[in-house]
PDB file of N, CA and C in Angstrom:
ATOM      1  N   MET A   1       0.903  -1.208  -0.142  1.00  0.00           N
ATOM      2  CA  MET A   1       0.016   0.190  -0.041  1.00  0.00           C
ATOM      3  C   MET A   1       0.885   1.188  -0.151  1.00  0.00           C
ATOM      4  N   SER A   2       0.531   2.378  -0.731  1.00  0.00           N
ATOM      5  CA  SER A   2       1.432   3.402  -0.981  1.00  0.00           C
ATOM      6  C   SER A   2       1.215   4.488   0.075  1.00  0.00           C
ATOM      7  N   LYS A   3       2.275   5.112   0.385  1.00  0.00           N
ATOM      8  CA  LYS A   3       1.815   6.298   1.731  1.00  0.00           C
ATOM      9  C   LYS A   3       0.947   7.397   1.326  1.00  0.00           C
ATOM     10  N   GLU A   4       0.395   7.452   0.072  1.00  0.00           N
ATOM     11  CA  GLU A   4      -0.859   8.364  -0.271  1.00  0.00           C
ATOM     12  C   GLU A   4      -2.166   7.916   0.207  1.00  0.00           C
ATOM     13  N   LYS A   5      -2.179   6.605   0.487  1.00  0.00           N
ATOM     14  CA  LYS A   5      -3.446   6.046   1.104  1.00  0.00           C
ATOM     15  C   LYS A   5      -3.483   5.874   2.519  1.00  0.00           C
ATOM     16  N   TYR A   6      -2.525   6.375   3.131  1.00  0.00           N
ATOM     17  CA  TYR A   6      -2.532   6.409   4.605  1.00  0.00           C
ATOM     18  C   TYR A   6      -3.239   7.705   5.276  1.00  0.00           C
ATOM     19  N   PRO A   7      -3.939   7.636   6.120  1.00  0.00           N
ATOM     20  CA  PRO A   7      -4.443   9.003   6.696  1.00  0.00           C
ATOM     21  C   PRO A   7      -3.366   9.895   7.157  1.00  0.00           C
ATOM     22  N   GLN A   8      -3.598  11.191   7.274  1.00  0.00           N
ATOM     23  CA  GLN A   8      -2.646  12.089   7.507  1.00  0.00           C
ATOM     24  C   GLN A   8      -1.767  12.031   8.801  1.00  0.00           C
ATOM     25  N   CYS A   9      -2.559  11.466   9.722  1.00  0.00           N
ATOM     26  CA  CYS A   9      -1.866  11.209  11.148  1.00  0.00           C
ATOM     27  C   CYS A   9      -0.962   9.923  11.168  1.00  0.00           C
ATOM     28  N   PHE A  10      -0.933   9.255   9.971  1.00  0.00           N
ATOM     29  CA  PHE A  10      -0.075   8.005  10.082  1.00  0.00           C
ATOM     30  C   PHE A  10       1.322   8.311  10.425  1.00  0.00           C
ATOM     31  N   GLY A  11       1.781   7.457  11.692  1.00  0.00           N
ATOM     32  CA  GLY A  11       3.183   7.527  11.967  1.00  0.00           C
ATOM     33  C   GLY A  11       3.443   8.895  13.036  1.00  0.00           C
ATOM     34  N   VAL A  12       2.369   9.509  13.043  1.00  0.00           N
ATOM     35  CA  VAL A  12       2.775  10.874  14.152  1.00  0.00           C
ATOM     36  C   VAL A  12       2.664  10.597  15.544  1.00  0.00           C
ATOM     37  N   LEU A  13       3.722  10.277  16.173  1.00  0.00           N
ATOM     38  CA  LEU A  13       3.689   9.638  17.690  1.00  0.00           C
ATOM     39  C   LEU A  13       2.612  10.411  18.481  1.00  0.00           C
ATOM     40  N   ASP A  14       2.726  11.766  18.534  1.00  0.00           N
ATOM     41  CA  ASP A  14       2.093  12.388  19.585  1.00  0.00           C
ATOM     42  C   ASP A  14       0.534  12.471  19.123  1.00  0.00           C
ATOM     43  N   PHE A  15       0.139  12.031  18.132  1.00  0.00           N
ATOM     44  CA  PHE A  15      -1.219  11.531  17.936  1.00  0.00           C
ATOM     45  C   PHE A  15      -1.720  10.395  17.987  1.00  0.00           C
ATOM     46  N   VAL A  16      -0.813   9.133  17.500  1.00  0.00           N
ATOM     47  CA  VAL A  16      -1.197   7.791  17.611  1.00  0.00           C
ATOM     48  C   VAL A  16      -0.888   7.338  19.150  1.00  0.00           C
ATOM     49  N   PHE A  17      -0.055   7.990  19.955  1.00  0.00           N
ATOM     50  CA  PHE A  17       0.282   7.343  20.980  1.00  0.00           C
ATOM     51  C   PHE A  17       0.521   8.634  22.210  1.00  0.00           C
ATOM     52  N   PRO A  18      -0.405   9.411  22.231  1.00  0.00           N
ATOM     53  CA  PRO A  18      -0.041  10.694  23.215  1.00  0.00           C
ATOM     54  C   PRO A  18       0.075  10.399  24.463  1.00  0.00           C
ATOM     55  N   LYS A  19       0.860  11.205  25.461  1.00  0.00           N
ATOM     56  CA  LYS A  19       0.948  11.115  26.744  1.00  0.00           C
ATOM     57  C   LYS A  19      -0.182  11.775  27.381  1.00  0.00           C
ATOM     58  N   LYS A  20      -0.958  11.169  28.449  1.00  0.00           N
ATOM     59  CA  LYS A  20      -2.039  11.702  29.117  1.00  0.00           C
ATOM     60  C   LYS A  20      -1.652  12.503  30.354  1.00  0.00           C
ATOM     61  N   GLU A  21      -2.426  13.162  31.061  1.00  0.00           N
ATOM     62  CA  GLU A  21      -2.250  14.011  32.213  1.00  0.00           C
ATOM     63  C   GLU A  21      -1.364  13.202  33.207  1.00  0.00           C
ATOM     64  N   ASN A  22      -1.735  11.697  33.238  1.00  0.00           N
ATOM     65  CA  ASN A  22      -0.954  11.169  34.416  1.00  0.00           C
ATOM     66  C   ASN A  22       0.168  10.550  33.966  1.00  0.00           C
ATOM     67  N   GLY A  23       0.739  10.835  32.842  1.00  0.00           N
ATOM     68  CA  GLY A  23       2.145  10.505  32.451  1.00  0.00           C
ATOM     69  C   GLY A  23       2.328   9.194  31.552  1.00  0.00           C
ATOM     70  N   PHE A  24       0.902   8.514  31.526  1.00  0.00           N
ATOM     71  CA  PHE A  24       0.996   7.374  30.679  1.00  0.00           C
ATOM     72  C   PHE A  24       0.513   7.691  29.376  1.00  0.00           C
ATOM     73  N   ARG A  25       1.000   6.710  28.322  1.00  0.00           N
ATOM     74  CA  ARG A  25       0.677   6.877  27.053  1.00  0.00           C
ATOM     75  C   ARG A  25      -0.438   5.893  26.682  1.00  0.00           C
ATOM     76  N   ILE A  26      -1.457   6.278  25.914  1.00  0.00           N
ATOM     77  CA  ILE A  26      -2.543   5.302  25.316  1.00  0.00           C
ATOM     78  C   ILE A  26      -2.953   5.586  24.045  1.00  0.00           C
ATOM     79  N   THR A  27      -3.364   4.737  23.320  1.00  0.00           N
ATOM     80  CA  THR A  27      -3.799   4.876  21.843  1.00  0.00           C
ATOM     81  C   THR A  27      -5.355   5.248  22.009  1.00  0.00           C
ATOM     82  N   PRO A  28      -5.467   6.421  21.164  1.00  0.00           N
ATOM     83  CA  PRO A  28      -6.943   6.853  21.104  1.00  0.00           C
ATOM     84  C   PRO A  28      -7.763   5.748  20.585  1.00  0.00           C
ATOM     85  N   ALA A  29      -9.022   6.074  20.862  1.00  0.00           N
ATOM     86  CA  ALA A  29     -10.217   4.993  20.415  1.00  0.00           C
ATOM     87  C   ALA A  29     -10.344   5.169  18.927  1.00  0.00           C
ATOM     88  N   ASP A  30     -10.094   6.219  18.363  1.00  0.00           N
ATOM     89  CA  ASP A  30     -10.196   6.650  16.826  1.00  0.00           C
ATOM     90  C   ASP A  30      -9.027   5.702  16.179  1.00  0.00           C
ATOM     91  N   CYS A  31      -7.872   5.715  16.736  1.00  0.00           N
ATOM     92  CA  CYS A  31      -6.840   4.833  16.110  1.00  0.00           C
ATOM     93  C   CYS A  31      -6.876   3.255  16.161  1.00  0.00           C
ATOM     94  N   LEU A  32      -7.625   2.867  17.370  1.00  0.00           N
ATOM     95  CA  LEU A  32      -7.929   1.498  17.502  1.00  0.00           C
ATOM     96  C   LEU A  32      -8.821   1.007  16.528  1.00  0.00           C
ATOM     97  N   ALA A  33      -9.805   1.700  15.922  1.00  0.00           N
ATOM     98  CA  ALA A  33     -10.441   1.304  15.040  1.00  0.00           C
ATOM     99  C   ALA A  33     -10.051   1.399  13.450  1.00  0.00           C
ATOM    100  N   CYS A  34      -8.884   2.037  13.427  1.00  0.00           N
ATOM    101  CA  CYS A  34      -8.181   2.054  11.929  1.00  0.00           C
ATOM    102  C   CYS A  34      -7.625   1.022  11.674  1.00  0.00           C
ATOM    103  N   SER A  35      -7.792   0.779  10.365  1.00  0.00           N
ATOM    104  CA  SER A  35      -7.211  -0.720   9.796  1.00  0.00           C
ATOM    105  C   SER A  35      -5.626  -0.566   9.627  1.00  0.00           C
ATOM    106  N   HIS A  36      -5.111   0.781   9.611  1.00  0.00           N
ATOM    107  CA  HIS A  36      -3.775   0.934   9.816  1.00  0.00           C
ATOM    108  C   HIS A  36      -2.802   0.971  11.014  1.00  0.00           C
ATOM    109  N   LYS A  37      -3.740   0.499  12.250  1.00  0.00           N
ATOM    110  CA  LYS A  37      -3.150   0.929  13.472  1.00  0.00           C
ATOM    111  C   LYS A  37      -1.786   0.308  13.904  1.00  0.00           C
ATOM    112  N   THR A  38      -1.645  -0.865  13.485  1.00  0.00           N
ATOM    113  CA  THR A  38      -0.428  -1.583  13.876  1.00  0.00           C
ATOM    114  C   THR A  38       0.905  -1.071  13.058  1.00  0.00           C
ATOM    115  N   GLU A  39       0.774  -1.027  11.861  1.00  0.00           N
ATOM    116  CA  GLU A  39       1.756  -0.428  11.021  1.00  0.00           C
ATOM    117  C   GLU A  39       1.935   0.964  11.296  1.00  0.00           C
ATOM    118  N   CYS A  40       0.957   1.709  11.714  1.00  0.00           N
ATOM    119  CA  CYS A  40       1.163   3.294  11.889  1.00  0.00           C
ATOM    120  C   CYS A  40       1.942   3.251  13.404  1.00  0.00           C
ATOM    121  N   LEU A  41       1.494   2.622  14.334  1.00  0.00           N
ATOM    122  CA  LEU A  41       2.394   2.588  15.552  1.00  0.00           C
ATOM    123  C   LEU A  41       3.637   2.065  15.629  1.00  0.00           C
ATOM    124  N   LYS A  42       3.921   1.050  14.804  1.00  0.00           N
ATOM    125  CA  LYS A  42       5.339   0.667  14.527  1.00  0.00           C
ATOM    126  C   LYS A  42       6.026   1.785  13.694  1.00  0.00           C
ATOM    127  N   SER A  43       5.359   2.362  12.834  1.00  0.00           N
ATOM    128  CA  SER A  43       6.087   3.492  12.164  1.00  0.00           C
ATOM    129  C   SER A  43       6.497   4.750  13.082  1.00  0.00           C
ATOM    130  N   ALA A  44       5.697   5.011  13.972  1.00  0.00           N
ATOM    131  CA  ALA A  44       5.884   6.176  14.850  1.00  0.00           C
ATOM    132  C   ALA A  44       6.861   5.770  15.864  1.00  0.00           C
ATOM    133  N   MET A  45       6.864   4.629  16.407  1.00  0.00           N
ATOM    134  CA  MET A  45       7.887   4.113  17.390  1.00  0.00           C
ATOM    135  C   MET A  45       9.339   3.851  16.660  1.00  0.00           C
ATOM    136  N   GLU A  46       9.516   3.744  15.493  1.00  0.00           N
ATOM    137  CA  GLU A  46      10.725   3.624  14.765  1.00  0.00           C
ATOM    138  C   GLU A  46      11.560   4.920  14.950  1.00  0.00           C
ATOM    139  N   GLY A  47      11.112   6.186  15.121  1.00  0.00           N
ATOM    140  CA  GLY A  47      12.011   7.434  14.952  1.00  0.00           C
ATOM    141  C   GLY A  47      12.390   7.834  16.315  1.00  0.00           C
ATOM    142  N   PRO A  48      12.875   8.783  16.457  1.00  0.00           N
ATOM    143  CA  PRO A  48      13.664   9.542  17.805  1.00  0.00           C
ATOM    144  C   PRO A  48      12.368   9.351  18.898  1.00  0.00           C
ATOM    145  N   GLY A  49      11.305   9.928  18.594  1.00  0.00           N
ATOM    146  CA  GLY A  49      10.084   9.859  19.487  1.00  0.00           C
ATOM    147  C   GLY A  49       9.949   8.592  20.086  1.00  0.00           C
ATOM    148  N   GLY A  50      10.024   7.469  19.284  1.00  0.00           N
ATOM    149  CA  GLY A  50       9.872   6.236  19.813  1.00  0.00           C
ATOM    150  C   GLY A  50      10.924   5.751  20.811  1.00  0.00           C
ATOM    151  N   LEU A  51      12.190   6.207  20.514  1.00  0.00           N
ATOM    152  CA  LEU A  51      13.132   5.827  21.604  1.00  0.00           C
ATOM    153  C   LEU A  51      12.979   6.463  22.862  1.00  0.00           C
ATOM    154  N   LYS A  52      12.503   7.780  22.675  1.00  0.00           N
ATOM    155  CA  LYS A  52      12.171   8.588  23.953  1.00  0.00           C
ATOM    156  C   LYS A  52      10.916   7.829  24.643  1.00  0.00           C
ATOM    157  N   VAL A  53      10.059   7.435  23.941  1.00  0.00           N
ATOM    158  CA  VAL A  53       8.904   6.553  24.854  1.00  0.00           C
ATOM    159  C   VAL A  53       9.699   5.406  25.521  1.00  0.00           C
ATOM    160  N   LYS A  54      10.519   4.683  24.804  1.00  0.00           N
ATOM    161  CA  LYS A  54      11.151   3.509  25.263  1.00  0.00           C
ATOM    162  C   LYS A  54      11.957   3.927  26.458  1.00  0.00           C
ATOM    163  N   ASP A  55      12.698   5.210  26.450  1.00  0.00           N
ATOM    164  CA  ASP A  55      13.374   5.582  27.712  1.00  0.00           C
ATOM    165  C   ASP A  55      12.370   5.839  28.670  1.00  0.00           C
ATOM    166  N   GLU A  56      11.134   6.114  28.411  1.00  0.00           N
ATOM    167  CA  GLU A  56      10.134   6.533  29.489  1.00  0.00           C
ATOM    168  C   GLU A  56       9.887   5.179  30.360  1.00  0.00           C
ATOM    169  N   PHE A  57       9.805   4.108  29.241  1.00  0.00           N
ATOM    170  CA  PHE A  57       9.504   2.793  29.696  1.00  0.00           C
ATOM    171  C   PHE A  57      10.236   2.314  30.769  1.00  0.00           C
ATOM    172  N   VAL A  58      11.548   2.260  30.241  1.00  0.00           N
ATOM    173  CA  VAL A  58      12.876   1.851  31.340  1.00  0.00           C
ATOM    174  C   VAL A  58      12.738   2.640  32.587  1.00  0.00           C
ATOM    175  N   ASP A  59      12.417   4.036  32.585  1.00  0.00           N
ATOM    176  CA  ASP A  59      12.383   4.837  33.820  1.00  0.00           C
ATOM    177  C   ASP A  59      11.288   4.172  34.669  1.00  0.00           C
ATOM    178  N   ARG A  60      10.253   3.984  34.141  1.00  0.00           N
ATOM    179  CA  ARG A  60       9.186   3.332  34.892  1.00  0.00           C
ATOM    180  C   ARG A  60       9.243   2.010  35.319  1.00  0.00           C
ATOM    181  N   ALA A  61      10.010   1.085  34.760  1.00  0.00           N
ATOM    182  CA  ALA A  61      10.213  -0.056  34.954  1.00  0.00           C
ATOM    183  C   ALA A  61      10.994  -0.095  36.255  1.00  0.00           C
ATOM    184  N   TYR A  62      12.164   1.019  35.909  1.00  0.00           N
ATOM    185  CA  TYR A  62      13.093   0.920  37.240  1.00  0.00           C
ATOM    186  C   TYR A  62      12.308   1.500  38.667  1.00  0.00           C
ATOM    187  N   GLU A  63      11.632   2.472  38.341  1.00  0.00           N
ATOM    188  CA  GLU A  63      10.903   3.070  39.358  1.00  0.00           C
ATOM    189  C   GLU A  63      10.139   2.090  40.123  1.00  0.00           C
ATOM    190  N   SER A  64       9.460   1.148  39.312  1.00  0.00           N
ATOM    191  CA  SER A  64       8.602   0.295  39.987  1.00  0.00           C
ATOM    192  C   SER A  64       9.244  -1.164  40.399  1.00  0.00           C
ATOM    193  N   GLY A  65      10.534  -1.257  40.290  1.00  0.00           N
ATOM    194  CA  GLY A  65      11.300  -2.235  40.749  1.00  0.00           C
ATOM    195  C   GLY A  65      11.417  -3.359  39.832  1.00  0.00           C
ATOM    196  N   MET A  66      10.899  -3.148  38.687  1.00  0.00           N
ATOM    197  CA  MET A  66      10.752  -4.452  37.633  1.00  0.00           C
ATOM    198  C   MET A  66      12.256  -4.613  37.157  1.00  0.00           C
ATOM    199  N   ILE A  67      13.143  -3.827  37.100  1.00  0.00           N
ATOM    200  CA  ILE A  67      14.525  -3.923  36.582  1.00  0.00           C
ATOM    201  C   ILE A  67      15.599  -3.138  37.709  1.00  0.00           C
ATOM    202  N   GLY A  68      16.486  -3.526  37.692  1.00  0.00           N
ATOM    203  CA  GLY A  68      17.776  -3.117  38.525  1.00  0.00           C
ATOM    204  C   GLY A  68      18.428  -1.835  37.979  1.00  0.00           C
ATOM    205  N   PHE A  69      19.340  -1.490  38.818  1.00  0.00           N
ATOM    206  CA  PHE A  69      20.349  -0.334  38.301  1.00  0.00           C
ATOM    207  C   PHE A  69      20.856  -0.622  37.015  1.00  0.00           C
ATOM    208  N   LEU A  70      21.697  -1.767  37.022  1.00  0.00           N
ATOM    209  CA  LEU A  70      22.629  -2.065  35.769  1.00  0.00           C
ATOM    210  C   LEU A  70      21.817  -2.349  34.725  1.00  0.00           C
ATOM    211  N   GLU A  71      20.733  -3.079  34.807  1.00  0.00           N
ATOM    212  CA  GLU A  71      19.653  -3.095  33.460  1.00  0.00           C
ATOM    213  C   GLU A  71      19.221  -1.720  33.008  1.00  0.00           C
ATOM    214  N   ARG A  72      18.875  -0.952  34.040  1.00  0.00           N
ATOM    215  CA  ARG A  72      18.261   0.488  33.497  1.00  0.00           C
ATOM    216  C   ARG A  72      19.551   1.147  33.039  1.00  0.00           C
ATOM    217  N   TRP A  73      20.657   0.980  33.626  1.00  0.00           N
ATOM    218  CA  TRP A  73      21.826   1.803  32.818  1.00  0.00           C
ATOM    219  C   TRP A  73      22.221   1.411  31.570  1.00  0.00           C
ATOM    220  N   SER A  74      22.197  -0.097  31.394  1.00  0.00           N
ATOM    221  CA  SER A  74      22.535  -0.595  30.194  1.00  0.00           C
ATOM    222  C   SER A  74      21.357  -0.142  29.087  1.00  0.00           C
ATOM    223  N   LYS A  75      20.165  -0.213  29.374  1.00  0.00           N
ATOM    224  CA  LYS A  75      19.188   0.018  28.297  1.00  0.00           C
ATOM    225  C   LYS A  75      19.163   1.444  28.020  1.00  0.00           C
ATOM    226  N   LYS A  76      19.193   2.244  28.901  1.00  0.00           N
ATOM    227  CA  LYS A  76      19.291   3.819  28.686  1.00  0.00           C
ATOM    228  C   LYS A  76      20.673   4.304  27.854  1.00  0.00           C
ATOM    229  N   LYS A  77      21.960   3.509  28.137  1.00  0.00           N
ATOM    230  CA  LYS A  77      22.865   3.826  27.266  1.00  0.00           C
ATOM    231  C   LYS A  77      22.600   3.398  25.778  1.00  0.00           C
ATOM    232  N   ASP A  78      22.000   2.182  25.620  1.00  0.00           N
ATOM    233  CA  ASP A  78      21.687   1.688  24.428  1.00  0.00           C
ATOM    234  C   ASP A  78      20.778   2.640  23.569  1.00  0.00           C
ATOM    235  N   ILE A  79      19.709   3.303  24.463  1.00  0.00           N
ATOM    236  CA  ILE A  79      18.815   4.234  23.871  1.00  0.00           C
ATOM    237  C   ILE A  79      19.524   5.410  23.368  1.00  0.00           C
ATOM    238  N   ASN A  80      20.228   6.007  24.255  1.00  0.00           N
ATOM    239  CA  ASN A  80      21.153   7.263  24.019  1.00  0.00           C
ATOM    240  C   ASN A  80      21.873   6.948  22.708  1.00  0.00           C
ATOM    241  N   ARG A  81      22.456   6.018  22.631  1.00  0.00           N
ATOM    242  CA  ARG A  81      23.594   5.716  21.407  1.00  0.00           C
ATOM    243  C   ARG A  81      22.709   5.763  20.311  1.00  0.00           C
ATOM    244  N   ARG A  82      21.582   5.116  20.121  1.00  0.00           N
ATOM    245  CA  ARG A  82      20.601   5.023  18.977  1.00  0.00           C
ATOM    246  C   ARG A  82      20.125   6.494  18.740  1.00  0.00           C
ATOM    247  N   LEU A  83      19.912   7.164  19.649  1.00  0.00           N
ATOM    248  CA  LEU A  83      19.411   8.499  19.480  1.00  0.00           C
ATOM    249  C   LEU A  83      20.445   9.356  18.845  1.00  0.00           C
ATOM    250  N   LYS A  84      21.559   9.199  19.248  1.00  0.00           N
ATOM    251  CA  LYS A  84      22.788   9.851  18.649  1.00  0.00           C
ATOM    252  C   LYS A  84      23.054   9.313  17.275  1.00  0.00           C
ATOM    253  N   GLU A  85      22.906   8.323  17.034  1.00  0.00           N
ATOM    254  CA  GLU A  85      23.126   7.681  15.780  1.00  0.00           C
ATOM    255  C   GLU A  85      22.040   8.413  14.794  1.00  0.00           C
ATOM    256  N   GLN A  86      20.868   8.284  14.980  1.00  0.00           N
ATOM    257  CA  GLN A  86      19.984   8.866  14.419  1.00  0.00           C
ATOM    258  C   GLN A  86      19.783  10.371  14.154  1.00  0.00           C
ATOM    259  N   GLY A  87      20.305  11.004  15.236  1.00  0.00           N
ATOM    260  CA  GLY A  87      20.658  12.534  15.044  1.00  0.00           C
ATOM    261  C   GLY A  87      21.909  12.868  13.961  1.00  0.00           C
ATOM    262  N   SER A  88      22.669  11.877  14.247  1.00  0.00           N
ATOM    263  CA  SER A  88      23.954  12.301  13.074  1.00  0.00           C
ATOM    264  C   SER A  88      23.609  11.824  11.710  1.00  0.00           C
ATOM    265  N   GLU A  89      22.547  11.027  11.506  1.00  0.00           N
ATOM    266  CA  GLU A  89      22.280  10.629  10.196  1.00  0.00           C
ATOM    267  C   GLU A  89      21.281  11.711   9.626  1.00  0.00           C
ATOM    268  N   VAL A  90      20.472  12.370  10.664  1.00  0.00           N
ATOM    269  CA  VAL A  90      19.687  13.662  10.141  1.00  0.00           C
ATOM    270  C   VAL A  90      20.684  14.765   9.802  1.00  0.00           C
ATOM    271  N   ARG A  91      21.719  14.929  10.817  1.00  0.00           N
ATOM    272  CA  ARG A  91      22.473  16.115  10.606  1.00  0.00           C
ATOM    273  C   ARG A  91      23.021  15.929   9.193  1.00  0.00           C
ATOM    274  N   GLY A  92      23.767  14.787   8.919  1.00  0.00           N
ATOM    275  CA  GLY A  92      24.326  14.459   7.787  1.00  0.00           C
ATOM    276  C   GLY A  92      23.379  14.728   6.461  1.00  0.00           C
ATOM    277  N   GLN A  93      22.357  14.422   6.614  1.00  0.00           N
ATOM    278  CA  GLN A  93      21.379  14.693   5.621  1.00  0.00           C
ATOM    279  C   GLN A  93      21.034  16.237   5.272  1.00  0.00           C
ATOM    280  N   LYS A  94      20.906  16.928   6.263  1.00  0.00           N
ATOM    281  CA  LYS A  94      20.955  18.276   6.247  1.00  0.00           C
ATOM    282  C   LYS A  94      21.928  19.172   5.942  1.00  0.00           C
ATOM    283  N   SER A  95      23.189  18.728   6.220  1.00  0.00           N
ATOM    284  CA  SER A  95      24.387  19.353   5.728  1.00  0.00           C
ATOM    285  C   SER A  95      24.627  18.945   4.178  1.00  0.00           C
ATOM    286  N   GLU A  96      24.388  17.713   3.896  1.00  0.00           N
ATOM    287  CA  GLU A  96      24.319  17.708   2.329  1.00  0.00           C
ATOM    288  C   GLU A  96      23.400  18.362   1.647  1.00  0.00           C
ATOM    289  N   ALA A  97      22.007  18.412   2.186  1.00  0.00           N
ATOM    290  CA  ALA A  97      21.157  19.339   1.436  1.00  0.00           C
ATOM    291  C   ALA A  97      21.475  20.745   1.225  1.00  0.00           C
ATOM    292  N   ARG A  98      22.206  21.147   2.488  1.00  0.00           N
ATOM    293  CA  ARG A  98      22.691  22.598   2.329  1.00  0.00           C
ATOM    294  C   ARG A  98      23.849  22.674   1.302  1.00  0.00           C
ATOM    295  N   GLY A  99      24.966  21.718   1.266  1.00  0.00           N
ATOM    296  CA  GLY A  99      25.710  21.823   0.279  1.00  0.00           C
ATOM    297  C   GLY A  99      25.259  21.599  -1.235  1.00  0.00           C
ATOM    298  N   GLN A 100      24.185  20.892  -1.293  1.00  0.00           N
ATOM    299  CA  GLN A 100      23.667  21.060  -2.650  1.00  0.00           C
ATOM    300  C   GLN A 100      22.779  22.393  -3.066  1.00  0.00           C
ATOM    301  N   ARG A 101      22.349  22.966  -1.863  1.00  0.00           N
ATOM    302  CA  ARG A 101      21.800  24.090  -2.410  1.00  0.00           C
ATOM    303  C   ARG A 101      22.859  25.277  -2.596  1.00  0.00           C
ATOM    304  N   ALA A 102      23.885  25.296  -2.053  1.00  0.00           N
ATOM    305  CA  ALA A 102      25.054  26.084  -2.204  1.00  0.00           C
ATOM    306  C   ALA A 102      25.781  25.942  -3.549  1.00  0.00           C
ATOM    307  N   GLY A 103      25.562  24.630  -4.118  1.00  0.00           N
ATOM    308  CA  GLY A 103      26.268  24.066  -5.416  1.00  0.00           C
ATOM    309  C   GLY A 103      27.378  23.383  -4.842  1.00  0.00           C
ATOM    310  N   ILE A 104      27.723  22.914  -3.825  1.00  0.00           N
ATOM    311  CA  ILE A 104      28.970  22.012  -3.431  1.00  0.00           C
ATOM    312  C   ILE A 104      28.369  20.732  -3.824  1.00  0.00           C
ATOM    313  N   ARG A 105      29.357  20.007  -4.323  1.00  0.00           N
ATOM    314  CA  ARG A 105      29.073  18.439  -4.813  1.00  0.00           C
ATOM    315  C   ARG A 105      30.095  17.801  -3.839  1.00  0.00           C
ATOM    316  N   ARG A 106      29.501  16.509  -3.378  1.00  0.00           N
ATOM    317  CA  ARG A 106      30.309  15.632  -2.472  1.00  0.00           C
ATOM    318  C   ARG A 106      30.471  14.388  -3.360  1.00  0.00           C
ATOM    319  N   ASN A 107      31.642  13.883  -3.234  1.00  0.00           N
ATOM    320  CA  ASN A 107      31.917  12.650  -4.008  1.00  0.00           C
ATOM    321  C   ASN A 107      31.985  11.427  -2.858  1.00  0.00           C
TER     322      ASN A 107
END
Protein backbone atom coordinates (compact mmCIF):
# COMPACT_ATOMS: atom_id res chain seq x y z
CA MET A 1 0.00 0.00 0.00
CA SER A 2 1.40 3.43 -0.89
CA LYS A 3 1.94 6.29 1.54
CA GLU A 4 -0.74 8.38 -0.20
CA LYS A 5 -3.49 6.02 0.98
CA TYR A 6 -2.57 6.41 4.65
CA PRO A 7 -4.39 8.94 6.83
CA GLN A 8 -2.61 12.23 7.47
CA CYS A 9 -1.93 11.22 11.09
CA PHE A 10 -0.06 8.05 10.03
CA GLY A 11 3.10 7.55 12.09
CA VAL A 12 2.74 10.80 14.08
CA LEU A 13 3.69 9.68 17.59
CA ASP A 14 1.97 12.50 19.47
CA PHE A 15 -1.29 11.68 17.72
CA VAL A 16 -1.25 7.87 17.69
CA PHE A 17 0.33 7.38 21.15
CA PRO A 18 -0.14 10.63 23.12
CA LYS A 19 0.94 11.10 26.72
CA LYS A 20 -1.99 11.70 29.06
CA GLU A 21 -2.11 13.93 32.15
CA ASN A 22 -1.13 10.98 34.37
CA GLY A 23 2.11 10.49 32.39
CA PHE A 24 1.01 7.29 30.68
CA ARG A 25 0.59 6.88 26.94
CA ILE A 26 -2.53 5.39 25.43
CA THR A 27 -3.72 4.90 21.89
CA PRO A 28 -6.92 6.90 21.17
CA ALA A 29 -10.14 5.06 20.35
CA ASP A 30 -10.13 6.51 16.81
CA CYS A 31 -6.77 4.84 16.17
CA LEU A 32 -7.95 1.49 17.51
CA ALA A 33 -10.72 1.47 14.90
CA CYS A 34 -8.28 2.27 12.05
CA SER A 35 -7.18 -0.53 9.73
CA HIS A 36 -3.60 0.87 9.69
CA LYS A 37 -3.17 0.95 13.49
CA THR A 38 -0.41 -1.67 13.88
CA GLU A 39 1.73 -0.44 10.98
CA CYS A 40 1.13 3.18 12.01
CA LEU A 41 2.22 2.66 15.61
CA LYS A 42 5.29 0.68 14.52
CA SER A 43 6.21 3.50 12.15
CA ALA A 44 5.79 6.09 14.90
CA MET A 45 7.90 4.09 17.36
CA GLU A 46 10.82 3.64 14.90
CA GLY A 47 11.84 7.31 15.04
CA PRO A 48 13.55 9.39 17.73
CA GLY A 49 10.20 9.94 19.45
CA GLY A 50 9.81 6.19 19.79
CA LEU A 51 13.20 5.91 21.45
CA LYS A 52 12.16 8.58 23.93
CA VAL A 53 9.03 6.56 24.70
CA LYS A 54 11.19 3.49 25.27
CA ASP A 55 13.32 5.60 27.61
CA GLU A 56 10.15 6.48 29.56
CA PHE A 57 9.29 2.77 29.79
CA VAL A 58 12.75 1.98 31.20
CA ASP A 59 12.43 4.71 33.83
CA ARG A 60 8.98 3.47 34.84
CA ALA A 61 10.20 -0.14 35.08
CA TYR A 62 13.11 0.96 37.27
CA GLU A 63 10.90 3.08 39.54
CA SER A 64 8.50 0.18 40.02
CA GLY A 65 11.33 -2.25 40.81
CA MET A 66 10.85 -4.38 37.69
CA ILE A 67 14.47 -3.86 36.60
CA GLY A 68 17.63 -3.12 38.56
CA PHE A 69 20.16 -0.33 38.29
CA LEU A 70 22.55 -2.09 35.90
CA GLU A 71 19.79 -3.16 33.51
CA ARG A 72 18.39 0.39 33.55
CA TRP A 73 21.85 1.84 32.90
CA SER A 74 22.47 -0.59 30.04
CA LYS A 75 19.11 0.06 28.37
CA LYS A 76 19.40 3.83 28.71
CA LYS A 77 22.94 3.76 27.31
CA ASP A 78 21.70 1.78 24.28
CA ILE A 79 18.77 4.17 23.75
CA ASN A 80 21.05 7.23 23.98
CA ARG A 81 23.51 5.65 21.51
CA ARG A 82 20.70 4.99 19.04
CA LEU A 83 19.37 8.54 19.49
CA LYS A 84 22.83 9.93 18.69
CA GLU A 85 23.10 7.68 15.62
CA GLN A 86 19.74 8.86 14.35
CA GLY A 87 20.70 12.47 15.09
CA SER A 88 23.96 12.19 13.16
CA GLU A 89 22.11 10.64 10.20
CA VAL A 90 19.65 13.53 10.20
CA ARG A 91 22.44 16.11 10.58
CA GLY A 92 24.34 14.46 7.72
CA GLN A 93 21.30 14.68 5.47
CA LYS A 94 20.75 18.34 6.40
CA SER A 95 24.37 19.34 5.77
CA GLU A 96 24.33 17.49 2.44
CA ALA A 97 21.13 19.32 1.45
CA ARG A 98 22.74 22.66 2.41
CA GLY A 99 25.75 21.79 0.28
CA GLN A 100 23.54 20.99 -2.68
CA ARG A 101 21.72 24.32 -2.35
CA ALA A 102 25.09 26.10 -2.24
CA GLY A 103 26.24 24.23 -5.35
CA ILE A 104 28.78 22.06 -3.48
CA ARG A 105 29.13 18.50 -4.74
CA ARG A 106 30.35 15.69 -2.55
CA ASN A 107 31.97 12.56 -3.91
